[in-house]
Amino acid sequence: MKHSPLPWKVEERSYFDSTFPVIADSDGVVVNGAIEEGEGTALPDMRKEDADLIVRAVNTHEELVEVCEVFLESLHCYQKK
């Protein structure tokens, strides 16, 4: 199963007369949660700063993996000399 479409973003959503930060995919579908209502879910204990960190990590994951692979390849070439 493929993950939700990127990029993810932090949005404020209202649930049960309260507003919470949620993580939504590029289609606006909420990808985190514990409270179900409507088309998505919300996690009331999530702080916006935590949601921002998760979104940054997810959105840059592929690029980070590519950089690590290039580094490891370079390291292996260097070690063979």
Protein backbone atom coordinates (compact mmCIF):
# COMPACT_ATOMS: atom_id res chain seq x y z
CA MET A 1 0.00 0.00 0.00
CA LYS A 2 1.36 3.43 -0.94
CA HIS A 3 1.32 6.28 1.55
CA SER A 4 -0.95 9.30 1.18
CA PRO A 5 0.02 11.67 -1.65
CA LEU A 6 2.70 14.26 -0.95
CA PRO A 7 3.27 16.97 -0.05
CA TRP A 8 1.63 16.80 3.35
CA LYS A 9 0.63 20.00 5.14
CA VAL A 10 -0.56 21.11 8.57
CA GLU A 11 -4.09 22.46 8.67
CA GLU A 12 -6.35 23.66 11.43
CA ARG A 13 -9.62 21.71 11.54
CA SER A 14 -12.62 22.10 13.82
CA TYR A 15 -14.01 19.03 15.57
CA PHE A 16 -16.51 18.95 18.39
CA ASP A 17 -16.43 22.75 18.88
CA SER A 18 -12.61 22.81 19.15
CA THR A 19 -9.87 23.48 16.62
CA PHE A 20 -6.88 21.16 16.26
CA PRO A 21 -3.83 20.97 14.02
CA VAL A 22 -4.09 17.99 11.68
CA ILE A 23 -1.82 16.58 9.00
CA ALA A 24 -3.47 16.44 5.57
CA ASP A 25 -2.21 15.00 2.30
CA SER A 26 -2.10 16.92 -0.98
CA ASP A 27 -5.78 16.09 -1.54
CA GLY A 28 -6.77 17.57 1.83
CA VAL A 29 -7.48 14.17 3.40
CA VAL A 30 -6.40 13.98 7.05
CA VAL A 31 -3.68 11.33 7.53
CA ASN A 32 -3.38 11.32 11.34
CA GLY A 33 -5.97 10.98 14.00
CA ALA A 34 -7.78 9.53 16.91
CA ILE A 35 -11.20 11.22 16.80
CA GLU A 36 -13.36 10.37 13.80
CA GLU A 37 -15.76 12.89 12.35
CA GLY A 38 -16.73 13.65 8.79
CA GLU A 39 -14.17 12.86 6.09
CA GLY A 40 -11.11 12.70 8.36
CA THR A 41 -9.81 12.44 11.86
CA ALA A 42 -8.09 14.70 14.35
CA LEU A 43 -5.58 14.12 17.09
CA PRO A 44 -6.38 16.66 19.81
CA ASP A 45 -3.11 16.16 21.69
CA MET A 46 -0.95 17.05 18.69
CA ARG A 47 0.80 20.39 19.01
CA LYS A 48 1.28 22.43 15.86
CA GLU A 49 5.07 22.32 16.32
CA ASP A 50 5.00 18.51 16.37
CA ALA A 51 2.77 18.40 13.32
CA ASP A 52 5.13 20.79 11.49
CA LEU A 53 8.11 18.55 12.30
CA ILE A 54 6.32 15.42 11.07
CA VAL A 55 5.31 17.13 7.83
CA ARG A 56 8.86 18.42 7.20
CA ALA A 57 10.28 14.92 7.79
CA VAL A 58 7.77 13.21 5.51
CA ASN A 59 8.05 15.77 2.72
CA THR A 60 11.88 15.57 2.64
CA HIS A 61 12.24 11.81 3.26
CA GLU A 62 12.85 10.77 -0.37
CA GLU A 63 15.47 13.50 -0.88
CA LEU A 64 17.25 12.50 2.33
CA VAL A 65 17.34 8.83 1.28
CA GLU A 66 18.81 9.81 -2.11
CA VAL A 67 21.53 11.89 -0.45
CA CYS A 68 22.38 9.03 1.92
CA GLU A 69 22.60 6.58 -0.98
CA VAL A 70 24.98 8.89 -2.88
CA PHE A 71 27.08 9.33 0.25
CA LEU A 72 27.30 5.57 0.85
CA GLU A 73 28.22 4.95 -2.78
CA SER A 74 30.96 7.59 -2.54
CA LEU A 75 32.20 6.08 0.72
CA HIS A 76 32.41 2.60 -0.83
CA CYS A 77 34.35 3.98 -3.82
CA TYR A 78 36.76 5.77 -1.47
CA GLN A 79 37.29 2.65 0.65
CA LYS A 80 38.18 0.55 -2.44
CA LYS A 81 41.16 2.84 -3.23
